[in-house]
N, C-alpha and C. Protein backbone atom coordinates (compact mmCIF):
# COMPACT_ATOMS: atom_id res chain seq x y z
N MET A 1 0.80 -1.19 0.02
CA MET A 1 -0.08 0.00 -0.26
C MET A 1 0.77 1.26 0.11
N PRO A 2 0.61 2.12 -0.84
CA PRO A 2 1.35 3.50 -0.89
C PRO A 2 1.46 4.09 0.45
N GLN A 3 2.46 4.93 0.72
CA GLN A 3 2.47 5.73 1.82
C GLN A 3 2.50 7.32 1.57
N TYR A 4 1.84 7.87 2.39
CA TYR A 4 1.80 9.41 2.25
C TYR A 4 2.19 10.25 3.56
N LEU A 5 2.89 11.34 2.96
CA LEU A 5 3.13 12.39 4.09
C LEU A 5 2.02 13.53 4.18
N VAL A 6 1.54 13.42 5.43
CA VAL A 6 0.61 14.74 5.52
C VAL A 6 1.08 15.34 6.38
N ALA A 7 1.78 16.85 5.85
CA ALA A 7 2.39 17.76 6.59
C ALA A 7 1.58 19.06 7.06
N ILE A 8 1.66 19.40 8.29
CA ILE A 8 1.02 20.61 8.90
C ILE A 8 1.86 21.86 8.57
N HIS A 9 1.68 22.94 7.95
CA HIS A 9 2.35 24.07 7.83
C HIS A 9 1.81 25.16 8.77
N PHE A 10 2.90 25.69 9.50
CA PHE A 10 2.68 26.82 10.63
C PHE A 10 3.45 28.04 10.21
N PRO A 11 3.05 29.17 10.80
CA PRO A 11 3.95 30.22 10.05
C PRO A 11 5.19 30.33 11.15
N ASP A 12 6.22 31.04 10.56
CA ASP A 12 7.52 30.89 11.40
C ASP A 12 7.52 31.29 12.91
N ASP A 13 6.58 32.17 13.07
CA ASP A 13 6.32 32.85 14.38
C ASP A 13 5.34 31.84 15.08
N TYR A 14 4.94 30.82 14.84
CA TYR A 14 4.07 30.18 15.43
C TYR A 14 4.33 29.58 16.80
N ASP A 15 3.40 30.11 17.78
CA ASP A 15 3.79 29.75 19.31
C ASP A 15 2.84 28.66 19.89
N ALA A 16 3.37 27.22 20.01
CA ALA A 16 2.54 26.17 20.32
C ALA A 16 1.76 26.37 21.61
N SER A 17 2.45 27.01 22.60
CA SER A 17 1.69 27.20 23.69
C SER A 17 0.19 28.09 23.39
N THR A 18 0.06 28.52 22.30
CA THR A 18 -1.30 29.05 22.23
C THR A 18 -2.26 27.87 21.66
N GLU A 19 -1.85 26.96 21.59
CA GLU A 19 -2.89 25.92 21.03
C GLU A 19 -4.05 25.72 22.10
N SER A 20 -5.05 25.68 21.67
CA SER A 20 -6.26 25.56 22.75
C SER A 20 -6.46 24.01 22.88
N GLU A 21 -7.05 23.56 24.23
CA GLU A 21 -7.26 22.47 24.57
C GLU A 21 -8.24 21.84 23.66
N GLU A 22 -9.14 22.61 22.96
CA GLU A 22 -10.27 22.30 21.88
C GLU A 22 -9.36 21.66 20.89
N MET A 23 -8.19 22.23 20.24
CA MET A 23 -7.53 21.94 19.36
C MET A 23 -6.89 20.54 19.58
N MET A 24 -6.26 20.37 20.86
CA MET A 24 -5.54 19.13 21.17
C MET A 24 -6.45 18.08 21.16
N ARG A 25 -7.74 18.28 21.62
CA ARG A 25 -8.62 17.22 21.72
C ARG A 25 -8.92 16.71 20.21
N ASP A 26 -9.00 17.74 19.29
CA ASP A 26 -9.49 17.31 17.87
C ASP A 26 -8.48 16.59 17.46
N ILE A 27 -7.15 17.03 17.48
CA ILE A 27 -6.13 16.24 16.83
C ILE A 27 -5.92 14.75 17.58
N ASP A 28 -6.30 14.63 19.05
CA ASP A 28 -6.27 13.28 19.34
C ASP A 28 -7.48 12.50 18.77
N VAL A 29 -8.66 13.17 18.72
CA VAL A 29 -9.64 12.37 17.86
C VAL A 29 -9.28 11.98 16.77
N LEU A 30 -8.45 12.88 15.80
CA LEU A 30 -8.03 12.28 14.39
C LEU A 30 -7.16 11.49 14.70
N ASN A 31 -6.20 11.47 15.61
CA ASN A 31 -5.25 10.41 15.56
C ASN A 31 -5.66 9.03 15.89
N ASN A 32 -6.76 9.07 16.95
CA ASN A 32 -7.30 7.82 17.16
C ASN A 32 -8.13 7.05 16.02
N GLU A 33 -8.81 8.16 15.31
CA GLU A 33 -9.68 7.73 14.01
C GLU A 33 -8.50 7.20 13.18
N MET A 34 -7.35 7.79 12.71
CA MET A 34 -6.35 7.07 11.82
C MET A 34 -5.88 6.04 12.61
N ALA A 35 -5.56 5.82 13.63
CA ALA A 35 -5.05 4.34 14.28
C ALA A 35 -6.22 3.26 13.78
N ALA A 36 -7.36 3.64 14.38
CA ALA A 36 -8.44 2.70 14.13
C ALA A 36 -8.62 2.21 12.83
N ALA A 37 -8.57 3.07 11.77
CA ALA A 37 -8.67 2.71 10.29
C ALA A 37 -7.56 1.91 9.95
N GLY A 38 -6.12 1.87 10.67
CA GLY A 38 -5.17 1.23 10.23
C GLY A 38 -4.24 2.08 9.26
N ALA A 39 -4.75 3.41 9.29
CA ALA A 39 -3.89 4.22 8.30
C ALA A 39 -2.70 4.73 8.87
N ARG A 40 -2.42 5.28 9.97
CA ARG A 40 -1.56 5.82 10.70
C ARG A 40 -0.26 4.91 11.04
N VAL A 41 0.80 5.13 10.22
CA VAL A 41 2.17 4.54 10.62
C VAL A 41 3.03 5.27 11.59
N PHE A 42 2.97 6.58 11.61
CA PHE A 42 3.69 7.55 12.32
C PHE A 42 3.22 8.83 12.58
N ALA A 43 3.34 9.56 13.49
CA ALA A 43 3.00 10.92 13.53
C ALA A 43 3.92 11.59 14.74
N GLY A 44 4.05 12.91 14.41
CA GLY A 44 4.84 13.36 15.23
C GLY A 44 5.00 15.16 15.03
N GLY A 45 5.27 15.88 15.98
CA GLY A 45 5.49 17.47 15.91
C GLY A 45 6.87 17.60 15.95
N LEU A 46 7.00 18.90 15.41
CA LEU A 46 8.55 19.19 15.20
C LEU A 46 8.88 20.76 15.99
N GLN A 47 9.88 20.84 16.77
CA GLN A 47 10.19 22.03 17.25
C GLN A 47 10.23 23.17 15.96
N SER A 48 10.13 24.28 16.62
CA SER A 48 10.00 25.63 15.52
C SER A 48 11.26 25.65 14.75
N ALA A 49 10.94 26.14 13.28
CA ALA A 49 11.72 26.17 12.55
C ALA A 49 13.26 26.97 13.05
N PRO A 50 13.22 27.87 13.84
CA PRO A 50 14.30 28.69 14.24
C PRO A 50 15.36 27.79 15.17
N ARG A 51 14.74 26.67 15.55
CA ARG A 51 15.38 25.70 16.54
C ARG A 51 16.07 24.83 15.48
N ALA A 52 16.00 24.60 14.04
CA ALA A 52 16.53 23.61 13.41
C ALA A 52 18.08 23.82 13.10
N LYS A 53 18.62 22.85 12.66
CA LYS A 53 20.19 23.25 12.05
C LYS A 53 20.17 22.68 10.65
N SER A 54 20.71 23.26 9.83
CA SER A 54 20.93 23.01 8.30
C SER A 54 22.34 22.69 8.12
N LEU A 55 22.64 21.83 7.34
CA LEU A 55 23.95 21.24 6.76
C LEU A 55 24.11 21.33 5.46
N ARG A 56 25.22 21.60 5.00
CA ARG A 56 25.39 21.92 3.60
C ARG A 56 27.05 21.35 3.48
N LYS A 57 27.13 20.70 2.06
CA LYS A 57 28.74 20.45 1.92
C LYS A 57 29.10 21.44 0.75
N THR A 58 30.00 22.27 1.08
CA THR A 58 30.64 23.09 0.07
C THR A 58 31.31 22.54 -0.94
N SER A 59 31.86 23.50 -2.07
CA SER A 59 32.40 22.53 -3.24
C SER A 59 33.43 22.12 -3.08
N GLY A 60 34.31 22.59 -1.64
CA GLY A 60 35.83 22.34 -1.18
C GLY A 60 35.58 21.10 -0.53
N GLY A 61 34.51 20.51 -0.16
CA GLY A 61 34.19 19.16 0.60
C GLY A 61 33.90 19.69 2.08
N GLN A 62 34.07 20.79 2.49
CA GLN A 62 33.65 21.39 4.04
C GLN A 62 32.22 21.00 4.18
N MET A 63 31.98 20.65 5.52
CA MET A 63 30.53 20.68 6.14
C MET A 63 30.42 22.00 7.05
N VAL A 64 29.34 22.33 6.37
CA VAL A 64 28.91 23.77 7.11
C VAL A 64 27.59 23.40 7.90
N VAL A 65 27.51 23.99 9.16
CA VAL A 65 26.28 23.78 9.72
C VAL A 65 25.96 25.12 10.28
N THR A 66 24.68 25.46 9.99
CA THR A 66 24.05 26.71 10.21
C THR A 66 22.60 26.67 11.07
N ASP A 67 22.70 27.70 11.81
CA ASP A 67 21.18 27.64 12.44
C ASP A 67 20.08 28.09 11.48
N GLY A 68 18.97 27.47 12.02
CA GLY A 68 17.91 27.66 11.35
C GLY A 68 17.45 26.65 10.01
N PRO A 69 16.34 26.85 9.49
CA PRO A 69 15.77 25.85 8.44
C PRO A 69 16.75 26.18 7.18
N TYR A 70 16.64 25.05 6.33
CA TYR A 70 17.25 25.10 5.00
C TYR A 70 16.62 26.38 4.18
N LEU A 71 15.45 26.34 4.22
CA LEU A 71 14.67 27.16 3.31
C LEU A 71 14.24 28.38 4.31
N GLU A 72 14.46 29.70 3.44
CA GLU A 72 13.77 30.98 4.23
C GLU A 72 12.43 31.15 3.39
N THR A 73 11.32 30.65 4.42
CA THR A 73 10.04 30.72 4.14
C THR A 73 9.20 31.46 4.96
N LYS A 74 7.96 31.63 4.97
CA LYS A 74 7.07 32.31 5.95
C LYS A 74 6.19 31.18 6.69
N GLU A 75 6.49 30.01 6.13
CA GLU A 75 5.75 28.58 6.98
C GLU A 75 6.87 27.62 6.71
N HIS A 76 6.63 26.53 7.91
CA HIS A 76 7.49 25.47 7.73
C HIS A 76 6.63 24.32 8.41
N ILE A 77 7.29 23.15 8.15
CA ILE A 77 6.42 22.19 8.77
C ILE A 77 6.56 22.00 10.39
N GLY A 78 5.44 21.81 10.69
CA GLY A 78 5.30 22.02 12.34
C GLY A 78 4.99 20.60 12.95
N GLY A 79 4.48 19.47 12.04
CA GLY A 79 4.11 18.25 12.34
C GLY A 79 3.77 17.63 11.09
N PHE A 80 3.40 16.31 11.60
CA PHE A 80 3.08 15.10 10.11
C PHE A 80 2.90 13.83 10.71
N TRP A 81 2.07 13.32 9.55
CA TRP A 81 1.47 12.00 9.85
C TRP A 81 2.20 11.17 8.61
N ILE A 82 2.61 9.97 8.68
CA ILE A 82 2.99 9.04 7.77
C ILE A 82 1.67 8.05 7.84
N LEU A 83 0.98 7.88 6.66
CA LEU A 83 -0.29 7.32 6.59
C LEU A 83 -0.12 6.17 5.53
N ASP A 84 -0.72 5.14 5.64
CA ASP A 84 -0.79 4.03 4.38
C ASP A 84 -2.33 4.26 4.06
N ALA A 85 -2.28 4.66 2.92
CA ALA A 85 -3.56 4.96 2.14
C ALA A 85 -3.51 4.03 0.89
N ALA A 86 -4.75 3.97 0.23
CA ALA A 86 -4.98 3.37 -1.15
C ALA A 86 -4.59 3.91 -2.13
N ASN A 87 -4.61 5.14 -2.16
CA ASN A 87 -4.50 6.22 -3.23
C ASN A 87 -4.64 7.73 -2.60
N MET A 88 -4.13 8.79 -3.56
CA MET A 88 -4.12 10.12 -3.27
C MET A 88 -5.42 10.60 -2.85
N ASP A 89 -6.39 10.07 -3.44
CA ASP A 89 -7.89 10.62 -2.87
C ASP A 89 -8.04 10.25 -1.57
N GLU A 90 -7.79 9.05 -0.89
CA GLU A 90 -7.96 8.58 0.52
C GLU A 90 -6.97 9.70 1.44
N ALA A 91 -5.71 9.68 0.88
CA ALA A 91 -4.66 10.43 1.58
C ALA A 91 -5.26 11.76 1.85
N VAL A 92 -5.70 12.39 0.83
CA VAL A 92 -6.31 13.88 0.87
C VAL A 92 -7.46 13.99 1.83
N ALA A 93 -8.31 12.88 1.85
CA ALA A 93 -9.60 12.71 2.75
C ALA A 93 -9.06 12.79 4.22
N TRP A 94 -7.85 12.40 4.51
CA TRP A 94 -7.15 12.44 5.94
C TRP A 94 -6.62 13.86 5.95
N GLY A 95 -6.14 14.51 4.97
CA GLY A 95 -5.63 15.73 4.93
C GLY A 95 -6.79 16.92 5.07
N ARG A 96 -7.83 16.47 4.71
CA ARG A 96 -8.81 17.44 4.85
C ARG A 96 -9.31 17.67 6.35
N LYS A 97 -9.27 16.49 6.99
CA LYS A 97 -9.42 16.22 8.47
C LYS A 97 -8.32 17.10 9.30
N ALA A 98 -7.16 16.95 8.79
CA ALA A 98 -6.02 17.30 9.53
C ALA A 98 -6.06 19.15 9.44
N VAL A 99 -6.57 19.43 8.32
CA VAL A 99 -6.66 21.04 8.31
C VAL A 99 -7.83 21.42 9.13
N VAL A 100 -8.66 20.86 9.47
CA VAL A 100 -9.89 21.26 10.57
C VAL A 100 -9.31 21.08 11.71
N ALA A 101 -8.69 19.71 12.18
CA ALA A 101 -8.04 19.42 13.61
C ALA A 101 -6.99 20.35 13.98
N CYS A 102 -5.95 20.71 12.92
CA CYS A 102 -4.88 21.46 13.25
C CYS A 102 -5.01 23.02 13.19
N ARG A 103 -6.35 23.41 12.17
CA ARG A 103 -6.49 24.77 12.01
C ARG A 103 -5.17 25.41 11.40
N ALA A 104 -4.69 24.69 10.52
CA ALA A 104 -3.56 24.99 9.56
C ALA A 104 -3.25 24.44 8.12
N PRO A 105 -2.93 25.01 7.19
CA PRO A 105 -2.43 24.55 5.87
C PRO A 105 -1.74 23.03 6.03
N VAL A 106 -2.21 22.21 5.27
CA VAL A 106 -1.64 20.80 5.24
C VAL A 106 -1.30 20.56 3.80
N GLU A 107 -0.15 19.77 3.71
CA GLU A 107 0.45 19.39 2.40
C GLU A 107 0.31 17.81 2.25
N VAL A 108 -0.20 17.06 1.28
CA VAL A 108 -0.09 15.75 1.14
C VAL A 108 0.93 15.24 -0.02
N ARG A 109 1.44 14.25 0.28
CA ARG A 109 2.53 14.00 -0.91
C ARG A 109 2.86 12.41 -0.66
N GLU A 110 2.83 11.65 -1.98
CA GLU A 110 3.12 10.22 -1.68
C GLU A 110 4.66 10.07 -1.57
N PHE A 111 5.15 9.13 -1.11
CA PHE A 111 6.33 8.81 -0.92
C PHE A 111 6.90 7.93 -2.16
N LEU A 112 8.10 8.01 -2.68
CA LEU A 112 8.62 7.56 -3.89
C LEU A 112 8.40 5.97 -3.56
N ALA A 113 8.04 5.19 -4.28
CA ALA A 113 8.02 3.79 -4.35
C ALA A 113 9.54 3.07 -4.44
N MET A 114 9.93 2.30 -3.64
CA MET A 114 11.19 1.90 -3.61
C MET A 114 11.04 0.56 -4.29
N PRO A 115 11.93 0.32 -5.27
CA PRO A 115 11.90 -1.20 -6.04
C PRO A 115 12.04 -2.02 -5.02
N LYS A 116 11.30 -3.17 -5.06
CA LYS A 116 11.51 -4.47 -4.32
C LYS A 116 12.44 -5.35 -4.82
N GLU A 117 13.47 -5.86 -3.83
CA GLU A 117 14.66 -6.54 -4.32
C GLU A 117 14.16 -8.10 -4.48
């Protein structure tokens, strides 16, 4: 079965301490629904983008580690689910529920299928 990333996007200045109890309940309900359906493989939240480290290899072979995210954007992934879903439509249906529960935009993307040996 294909696997999909359902990623929640938060603004750079997102403050997790402002999340309401209602929102946390809605996310718990969604997590339980995904688990009961056998769709949820893994779920996790991420620290804010400013707490990230980015690594790059220079043309001279040096490894450079810098503070902050790799991309400078207005939004970053704040959390995600890895789901088993029959197809993109099914994954998008979960994504719609995630938008409501998380009160934030969501991106759904299929993992590349790895060839079986």
